[in-house]
Amino acid sequence: MPDRTVRIVLAAVLVLLALYVAEPYLQPLLYAANTPRAVTARGDLAQSETATIALFERASPSVVHVFAQGAAQNRDLLDLDEGGEQGGTQTGTGFVWDGAGHVVTNTHVVQNAAQSGGSVSVRMSDGTVVPASLVGLAPSYDLAVLRLGRVAQMPPPLAIGTSADLKVGQSAFAIGNPFGLDHTLTTGVISAVRRRMPTSEGRELSGVIQTDAAINPGNSGGPLLDSAGRLIGVNTAIVSPSGASAGIGFAIPVDVVNRVVPELIRVGRVRNPGIGIIAAQEAATARLGIDGVVIVRVLPGSPAAQAGLRGVAPQTGDIGDVIVEANGRAVHRLADLTAAIEETGLGAPVTLKVERDGRVRQVRLTTTDVAENRR
């Protein structure tokens, strides 16, 4: 009896051992999915997913791909690298502003073509390529307006929001053409507000929006939207050692866009309110330990000249006037003064406190379009 039990146990062990050895060969025969698998029902999309899909489907037809060809380079528009620039052609993003076919983008996207007399074309969301003409540039705000040629069906303009009440942490959505990839949606949050960003002509734009929604080369000029699908900013720059998205992108606030773009459409340029001074570089002012805006030069015939403001003495290098306050707010740097003047508006009075030779005096003058005076 015991011998029989032993034999049964040994047989069972041998069977198990055989199954173990044969397992790699039996699995493909028994479990291989050599026919299409049954689809598992997903269920409803999450509410946040549904909202994001609806936002993209509603807004994306109004987002366009901008191609700006410099006249100096006779290259094909397809001669582009994925970074968006090669052979004199710069690419970026834009969006439809109104029913007349005006498109908003960044100045730096089209500036080369504008300066060299080149051409600009736009690819619509349906793939149609349409020639575009330049309406106006605002380099101080990195904004430009184009006018589309004949379009079979004009996409609807994006809804306009406001940037005055943005909160850090609220959702943000960017649509653009990063690295030439059409209609890409990235999502994130508002990371910070009231940032400062340098633009051309020595100006600094205040109130800039910071977002971690991925913004890459090719996104420039594209819309930044809130969760309601409203325009809250125009994507313009990134901070990145590699040149690709590092989670820090900047957008021009829509309240600035909504003020600048209509003026570009009306007159082709933006009248920047000013008082007619050339300010010292902030680095030089900091080295001297001065808190305020040092006037280097006063433009002849300007409000500053009429008010008797003085710049640095050409012969001796002695500092003349330092602006320390504007309309009751302290001025520590040029951006503070610029913001106060822009809030005042064109042709409006502005009150300055100016320090000269250790004494502070109050000066009242009226802003003017300094750029027009220079022409």
Protein backbone atom coordinates (compact mmCIF):
# COMPACT_ATOMS: atom_id res chain seq x y z
CA MET A 1 0.00 0.00 0.00
CA PRO A 2 2.70 2.51 0.82
CA ASP A 3 4.47 1.71 -2.47
CA ARG A 4 1.32 2.53 -4.39
CA THR A 5 0.98 5.88 -2.61
CA VAL A 6 4.57 6.74 -3.41
CA ARG A 7 4.00 5.91 -7.05
CA ILE A 8 0.91 8.15 -7.18
CA VAL A 9 2.78 11.05 -5.57
CA LEU A 10 5.72 10.63 -7.96
CA ALA A 11 3.36 10.54 -10.94
CA ALA A 12 1.65 13.72 -9.77
CA VAL A 13 5.01 15.44 -9.33
CA LEU A 14 6.07 14.38 -12.81
CA VAL A 15 2.83 15.72 -14.29
CA LEU A 16 3.26 19.04 -12.52
CA LEU A 17 6.88 19.24 -13.63
CA ALA A 18 5.85 18.52 -17.21
CA LEU A 19 3.19 21.22 -17.08
CA TYR A 20 5.72 23.69 -15.67
CA VAL A 21 8.20 22.93 -18.45
CA ALA A 22 5.49 23.08 -21.12
CA GLU A 23 3.89 26.28 -19.84
CA PRO A 24 5.74 28.70 -22.22
CA TYR A 25 4.58 26.56 -25.13
CA LEU A 26 1.00 26.08 -23.92
CA GLN A 27 0.29 29.78 -23.12
CA PRO A 28 0.40 31.02 -26.75
CA LEU A 29 -1.87 28.13 -27.77
CA LEU A 30 -4.41 28.68 -25.01
CA TYR A 31 -4.40 32.46 -24.44
CA ALA A 32 -3.04 34.18 -27.58
CA ALA A 33 -5.40 36.93 -28.83
CA ASN A 34 -5.06 36.08 -32.51
CA THR A 35 -8.42 37.68 -33.32
CA PRO A 36 -9.60 41.25 -32.61
CA ARG A 37 -10.42 41.66 -28.93
CA ALA A 38 -13.81 42.75 -27.72
CA VAL A 39 -14.07 46.45 -26.94
CA THR A 40 -14.68 47.25 -23.29
CA ALA A 41 -17.36 49.87 -22.76
CA ARG A 42 -15.73 53.03 -21.46
CA GLY A 43 -18.66 54.82 -19.94
CA ASP A 44 -19.14 58.59 -19.97
CA LEU A 45 -16.21 60.98 -20.23
CA ALA A 46 -15.38 62.91 -17.12
CA GLN A 47 -17.02 66.32 -16.93
CA SER A 48 -13.62 68.06 -17.12
CA GLU A 49 -12.73 66.07 -20.25
CA THR A 50 -16.03 66.94 -21.92
CA ALA A 51 -15.54 70.61 -21.15
CA THR A 52 -11.98 70.61 -22.56
CA ILE A 53 -13.06 68.82 -25.74
CA ALA A 54 -15.90 71.30 -26.25
CA LEU A 55 -13.53 74.22 -25.66
CA PHE A 56 -11.07 72.96 -28.30
CA GLU A 57 -13.76 72.17 -30.85
CA ARG A 58 -15.26 75.63 -30.40
CA ALA A 59 -12.01 77.63 -30.43
CA SER A 60 -9.65 75.74 -32.77
CA PRO A 61 -11.33 76.77 -36.07
CA SER A 62 -10.42 80.37 -35.22
CA VAL A 63 -6.72 79.55 -34.69
CA VAL A 64 -4.45 79.80 -37.75
CA HIS A 65 -0.88 78.95 -38.75
CA VAL A 66 1.14 82.01 -39.83
CA PHE A 67 4.01 81.85 -42.37
CA ALA A 68 6.13 84.99 -42.80
CA GLN A 69 8.60 84.87 -45.69
CA GLY A 70 11.47 87.35 -45.79
CA ALA A 71 12.01 88.89 -49.23
CA ALA A 72 15.78 88.36 -49.05
CA GLN A 73 15.40 84.60 -49.08
CA ASN A 74 13.72 82.97 -52.06
CA ARG A 75 12.97 79.67 -50.39
CA ASP A 76 9.98 77.39 -50.44
CA LEU A 77 7.61 77.68 -47.49
CA LEU A 78 8.16 73.99 -46.83
CA ASP A 79 11.85 74.68 -46.21
CA LEU A 80 11.34 74.87 -42.46
CA ASP A 81 12.77 73.13 -39.48
CA GLU A 82 10.55 72.06 -36.61
CA GLY A 83 11.66 75.04 -34.59
CA GLY A 84 9.77 77.28 -36.98
CA GLU A 85 12.51 79.20 -38.77
CA GLN A 86 14.84 78.51 -41.65
CA GLY A 87 15.66 80.10 -44.98
CA GLY A 88 14.19 83.46 -43.90
CA THR A 89 10.75 82.02 -43.11
CA GLN A 90 9.30 82.41 -39.64
CA THR A 91 6.21 80.52 -38.53
CA GLY A 92 3.91 81.09 -35.63
CA THR A 93 0.29 81.13 -34.61
CA GLY A 94 -2.51 83.65 -34.88
CA PHE A 95 -6.24 83.84 -34.27
CA VAL A 96 -9.22 85.50 -35.90
CA TRP A 97 -10.08 88.78 -34.21
CA ASP A 98 -13.22 89.91 -36.06
CA GLY A 99 -15.57 89.20 -38.93
CA ALA A 100 -13.55 91.42 -41.27
CA GLY A 101 -10.75 88.85 -41.35
CA HIS A 102 -8.26 90.54 -39.04
CA VAL A 103 -5.81 88.11 -37.43
CA VAL A 104 -3.75 88.83 -34.31
CA THR A 105 -0.25 87.40 -33.88
CA ASN A 106 3.11 88.46 -32.41
CA THR A 107 5.28 91.16 -33.95
CA HIS A 108 8.33 88.90 -33.81
CA VAL A 109 6.55 86.33 -36.00
CA VAL A 110 6.09 88.73 -38.94
CA GLN A 111 8.68 91.44 -38.34
CA ASN A 112 11.31 90.01 -40.70
CA ALA A 113 8.80 89.87 -43.54
CA ALA A 114 7.54 93.37 -42.71
CA GLN A 115 11.02 94.91 -42.67
CA SER A 116 12.21 93.22 -45.86
CA GLY A 117 9.01 93.61 -47.87
CA GLY A 118 8.36 89.88 -47.81
CA SER A 119 5.09 88.01 -47.85
CA VAL A 120 2.79 86.58 -45.20
CA SER A 121 0.37 83.70 -45.66
CA VAL A 122 -1.98 81.93 -43.29
CA ARG A 123 -3.12 78.32 -43.19
CA MET A 124 -6.66 78.00 -41.91
CA SER A 125 -7.92 75.15 -39.75
CA ASP A 126 -9.35 73.39 -42.82
CA GLY A 127 -5.93 73.39 -44.51
CA THR A 128 -6.65 76.26 -46.91
CA VAL A 129 -3.68 78.61 -47.40
CA VAL A 130 -4.69 82.27 -47.69
CA PRO A 131 -2.46 85.28 -48.46
CA ALA A 132 -2.46 87.95 -45.76
CA SER A 133 -1.46 91.60 -45.67
CA LEU A 134 0.10 93.44 -42.76
CA VAL A 135 -2.23 95.96 -41.12
CA GLY A 136 0.01 97.19 -38.31
CA LEU A 137 2.77 96.39 -35.82
CA ALA A 138 3.11 97.28 -32.15
CA PRO A 139 6.66 96.17 -31.27
CA SER A 140 6.39 97.66 -27.80
CA TYR A 141 3.66 95.11 -27.05
CA ASP A 142 4.86 92.33 -29.41
CA LEU A 143 1.51 92.44 -31.19
CA ALA A 144 0.72 92.53 -34.90
CA VAL A 145 -2.48 92.53 -36.95
CA LEU A 146 -2.88 90.86 -40.36
CA ARG A 147 -5.76 90.99 -42.82
CA LEU A 148 -6.78 87.76 -44.53
CA GLY A 149 -7.37 87.60 -48.25
CA ARG A 150 -10.52 86.06 -49.68
CA VAL A 151 -11.80 83.26 -47.45
CA ALA A 152 -14.69 80.97 -48.40
CA GLN A 153 -16.07 80.97 -44.86
CA MET A 154 -14.61 83.19 -42.16
CA PRO A 155 -14.18 81.40 -38.81
CA PRO A 156 -15.87 83.06 -35.85
CA PRO A 157 -13.77 85.42 -33.72
CA LEU A 158 -12.68 84.15 -30.32
CA ALA A 159 -14.70 85.33 -27.34
CA ILE A 160 -12.90 88.04 -25.37
CA GLY A 161 -12.33 87.72 -21.64
CA THR A 162 -10.52 89.94 -19.17
CA SER A 163 -7.14 89.60 -17.51
CA ALA A 164 -7.93 91.97 -14.64
CA ASP A 165 -9.46 89.29 -12.40
CA LEU A 166 -7.26 86.28 -13.20
CA LYS A 167 -6.36 84.11 -10.22
CA VAL A 168 -3.26 81.98 -9.76
CA GLY A 169 -4.33 78.36 -10.02
CA GLN A 170 -7.21 78.74 -12.46
CA SER A 171 -7.10 76.61 -15.60
CA ALA A 172 -5.43 77.84 -18.77
CA PHE A 173 -5.52 76.39 -22.28
CA ALA A 174 -3.11 77.19 -25.11
CA ILE A 175 -3.79 76.39 -28.77
CA GLY A 176 -1.03 76.76 -31.33
CA ASN A 177 1.36 75.20 -33.81
CA PRO A 178 4.43 74.15 -31.78
CA PHE A 179 7.28 72.96 -34.00
CA GLY A 180 4.91 73.24 -36.96
CA LEU A 181 2.38 70.75 -35.56
CA ASP A 182 -1.04 72.18 -36.40
CA HIS A 183 -3.70 72.86 -33.78
CA THR A 184 -2.08 71.51 -30.67
CA LEU A 185 -3.85 71.93 -27.34
CA THR A 186 -1.91 72.14 -24.09
CA THR A 187 -3.41 72.67 -20.67
CA GLY A 188 -2.18 73.99 -17.35
CA VAL A 189 -2.88 76.72 -14.86
CA ILE A 190 -2.18 80.39 -14.37
CA SER A 191 1.16 80.21 -12.55
CA ALA A 192 1.53 83.92 -11.79
CA VAL A 193 0.11 87.29 -12.77
CA ARG A 194 1.53 90.81 -13.00
CA ARG A 195 4.88 89.59 -14.31
CA ARG A 196 7.11 92.00 -16.23
CA MET A 197 8.55 91.18 -19.61
CA PRO A 198 10.96 93.23 -21.74
CA THR A 199 9.87 94.00 -25.29
CA SER A 200 11.60 95.85 -28.10
CA GLU A 201 12.50 99.54 -28.08
CA GLY A 202 13.67 99.33 -24.47
CA ARG A 203 10.16 99.02 -23.06
CA GLU A 204 8.89 96.62 -20.44
CA LEU A 205 5.38 95.22 -20.49
CA SER A 206 3.73 94.88 -17.09
CA GLY A 207 0.82 92.67 -16.06
CA VAL A 208 2.11 89.71 -18.08
CA ILE A 209 0.52 86.30 -17.43
CA GLN A 210 2.73 83.33 -16.53
CA THR A 211 1.43 79.82 -17.25
CA ASP A 212 2.71 76.26 -17.09
CA ALA A 213 0.60 75.23 -20.11
CA ALA A 214 3.27 73.97 -22.52
CA ILE A 215 4.33 76.75 -24.91
CA ASN A 216 7.01 75.95 -27.50
CA PRO A 217 8.50 77.60 -30.60
CA GLY A 218 5.61 77.98 -33.03
CA ASN A 219 3.07 78.80 -30.30
CA SER A 220 3.96 82.50 -30.54
CA GLY A 221 0.90 84.59 -31.29
CA GLY A 222 -1.56 81.89 -30.28
CA PRO A 223 -4.40 82.33 -27.81
CA LEU A 224 -4.35 81.55 -24.11
CA LEU A 225 -7.91 80.73 -23.04
CA ASP A 226 -9.74 80.35 -19.76
CA SER A 227 -12.06 77.43 -18.97
CA ALA A 228 -14.97 79.30 -20.59
CA GLY A 229 -13.06 79.43 -23.88
CA ARG A 230 -12.50 83.20 -23.63
CA LEU A 231 -9.28 84.84 -24.73
CA ILE A 232 -7.26 85.92 -21.70
CA GLY A 233 -3.83 86.37 -23.31
CA VAL A 234 -1.60 86.03 -26.37
CA ASN A 235 1.25 83.56 -25.94
CA THR A 236 4.53 85.29 -26.66
CA ALA A 237 7.58 83.86 -24.89
CA ILE A 238 9.06 81.05 -22.84
CA VAL A 239 11.87 80.78 -20.31
CA SER A 240 13.90 77.69 -21.14
CA PRO A 241 17.61 76.80 -21.23
CA SER A 242 16.90 74.27 -23.99
CA GLY A 243 14.55 76.40 -26.10
CA ALA A 244 11.63 74.03 -25.49
CA SER A 245 8.91 74.23 -22.87
CA ALA A 246 10.16 74.18 -19.30
CA GLY A 247 6.84 75.00 -17.71
CA ILE A 248 7.34 78.78 -17.73
CA GLY A 249 5.50 80.56 -20.52
CA PHE A 250 4.30 84.14 -20.81
CA ALA A 251 1.25 85.69 -22.43
CA ILE A 252 0.35 89.31 -23.16
CA PRO A 253 -2.76 90.09 -21.07
CA VAL A 254 -5.96 90.41 -23.07
CA ASP A 255 -6.79 93.79 -21.55
CA VAL A 256 -3.68 95.15 -23.29
CA VAL A 257 -4.54 93.27 -26.49
CA ASN A 258 -8.08 94.66 -26.49
CA ARG A 259 -6.68 98.18 -26.27
CA VAL A 260 -3.82 97.86 -28.77
CA VAL A 261 -5.41 95.79 -31.55
CA PRO A 262 -8.33 98.15 -32.35
CA GLU A 263 -5.85 101.01 -32.68
CA LEU A 264 -3.68 98.97 -35.02
CA ILE A 265 -6.76 98.27 -37.13
CA ARG A 266 -7.74 101.96 -37.18
CA VAL A 267 -4.39 103.65 -37.84
CA GLY A 268 -1.81 100.88 -38.35
CA ARG A 269 0.24 101.85 -35.33
CA VAL A 270 -0.15 102.41 -31.61
CA ARG A 271 0.14 105.85 -30.14
CA ASN A 272 2.17 105.34 -26.99
CA PRO A 273 1.59 108.00 -24.34
CA GLY A 274 4.84 109.48 -23.10
CA ILE A 275 6.43 112.59 -21.68
CA GLY A 276 9.49 112.79 -23.94
CA ILE A 277 12.44 111.45 -21.95
CA ILE A 278 15.21 108.94 -22.53
CA ALA A 279 15.78 107.00 -19.30
CA ALA A 280 19.03 105.51 -18.02
CA GLN A 281 19.54 101.75 -18.01
CA GLU A 282 18.38 100.18 -14.78
CA ALA A 283 21.72 98.43 -14.26
CA ALA A 284 23.55 101.78 -14.37
CA THR A 285 21.02 103.34 -12.00
CA ALA A 286 21.40 100.44 -9.56
CA ARG A 287 25.21 100.74 -9.61
CA LEU A 288 24.86 104.36 -8.58
CA GLY A 289 22.51 103.39 -5.74
CA ILE A 290 19.70 105.54 -7.11
CA ASP A 291 16.07 104.57 -6.47
CA GLY A 292 14.03 106.00 -9.33
CA VAL A 293 14.23 106.76 -13.05
CA VAL A 294 17.25 108.81 -14.07
CA ILE A 295 16.58 111.10 -17.04
CA VAL A 296 19.45 110.87 -19.52
CA ARG A 297 18.00 113.17 -22.17
CA VAL A 298 14.88 115.28 -22.70
CA LEU A 299 13.41 115.37 -26.22
CA PRO A 300 13.12 118.90 -27.65
CA GLY A 301 9.60 120.27 -27.67
CA SER A 302 8.27 117.42 -25.53
CA PRO A 303 6.12 117.84 -22.39
CA ALA A 304 9.21 117.05 -20.30
CA ALA A 305 11.15 119.85 -21.99
CA GLN A 306 8.27 122.30 -21.56
CA ALA A 307 8.09 121.38 -17.86
CA GLY A 308 11.79 122.16 -17.45
CA LEU A 309 13.00 118.63 -16.71
CA ARG A 310 16.73 118.05 -17.14
CA GLY A 311 18.79 115.11 -18.28
CA VAL A 312 22.41 114.23 -17.59
CA ALA A 313 24.75 117.16 -18.31
CA PRO A 314 26.65 116.29 -21.54
CA GLN A 315 29.87 118.06 -20.52
CA THR A 316 30.19 117.02 -16.89
CA GLY A 317 28.04 113.87 -16.68
CA ASP A 318 26.24 115.31 -13.66
CA ILE A 319 22.82 113.78 -13.04
CA GLY A 320 19.90 116.14 -13.53
CA ASP A 321 16.42 114.92 -12.61
CA VAL A 322 15.36 111.60 -11.07
CA ILE A 323 11.66 110.71 -11.22
CA VAL A 324 10.63 109.11 -7.92
CA GLU A 325 6.82 109.23 -8.05
CA ALA A 326 4.05 109.30 -10.66
CA ASN A 327 0.41 110.01 -9.88
CA GLY A 328 0.96 109.28 -6.20
CA ARG A 329 2.72 105.94 -6.72
CA ALA A 330 6.40 105.33 -6.06
CA VAL A 331 8.62 104.94 -9.12
CA HIS A 332 11.55 102.57 -8.58
CA ARG A 333 12.18 101.58 -12.19
CA LEU A 334 11.14 102.50 -15.73
CA ALA A 335 8.31 99.93 -15.75
CA ASP A 336 6.66 101.77 -12.83
CA LEU A 337 6.76 105.05 -14.74
CA THR A 338 5.60 103.46 -18.00
CA ALA A 339 2.66 101.75 -16.27
CA ALA A 340 1.55 105.01 -14.65
CA ILE A 341 1.74 106.92 -17.93
CA GLU A 342 -0.16 104.23 -19.85
CA GLU A 343 -2.89 104.20 -17.21
CA THR A 344 -3.10 107.98 -17.52
CA GLY A 345 -3.63 107.72 -21.28
CA LEU A 346 -2.83 109.97 -24.21
CA GLY A 347 -3.33 113.71 -23.78
CA ALA A 348 -4.06 113.42 -20.06
CA PRO A 349 -2.30 115.14 -17.15
CA VAL A 350 0.26 113.24 -15.09
CA THR A 351 1.82 114.45 -11.84
CA LEU A 352 5.45 113.58 -11.14
CA LYS A 353 7.72 114.01 -8.16
CA VAL A 354 11.24 114.75 -9.33
CA GLU A 355 14.43 114.85 -7.30
CA ARG A 356 17.23 117.26 -8.26
CA ASP A 357 20.26 118.12 -6.16
CA GLY A 358 18.69 116.49 -3.09
CA ARG A 359 15.45 118.47 -3.37
CA VAL A 360 12.09 117.01 -4.42
CA ARG A 361 9.61 119.06 -6.42
CA GLN A 362 6.27 118.30 -8.06
CA VAL A 363 5.79 118.65 -11.80
CA ARG A 364 2.52 118.43 -13.71
CA LEU A 365 2.56 117.78 -17.45
CA THR A 366 0.36 116.33 -20.20
CA THR A 367 1.22 113.09 -21.98
CA THR A 368 1.70 113.06 -25.73
CA ASP A 369 2.45 110.62 -28.52
CA VAL A 370 6.21 110.95 -28.40
CA ALA A 371 6.75 108.59 -31.32
CA GLU A 372 4.63 110.85 -33.51
CA ASN A 373 6.66 113.87 -32.42
CA ARG A 374 9.85 112.14 -33.56
CA ARG A 375 8.54 111.54 -37.09
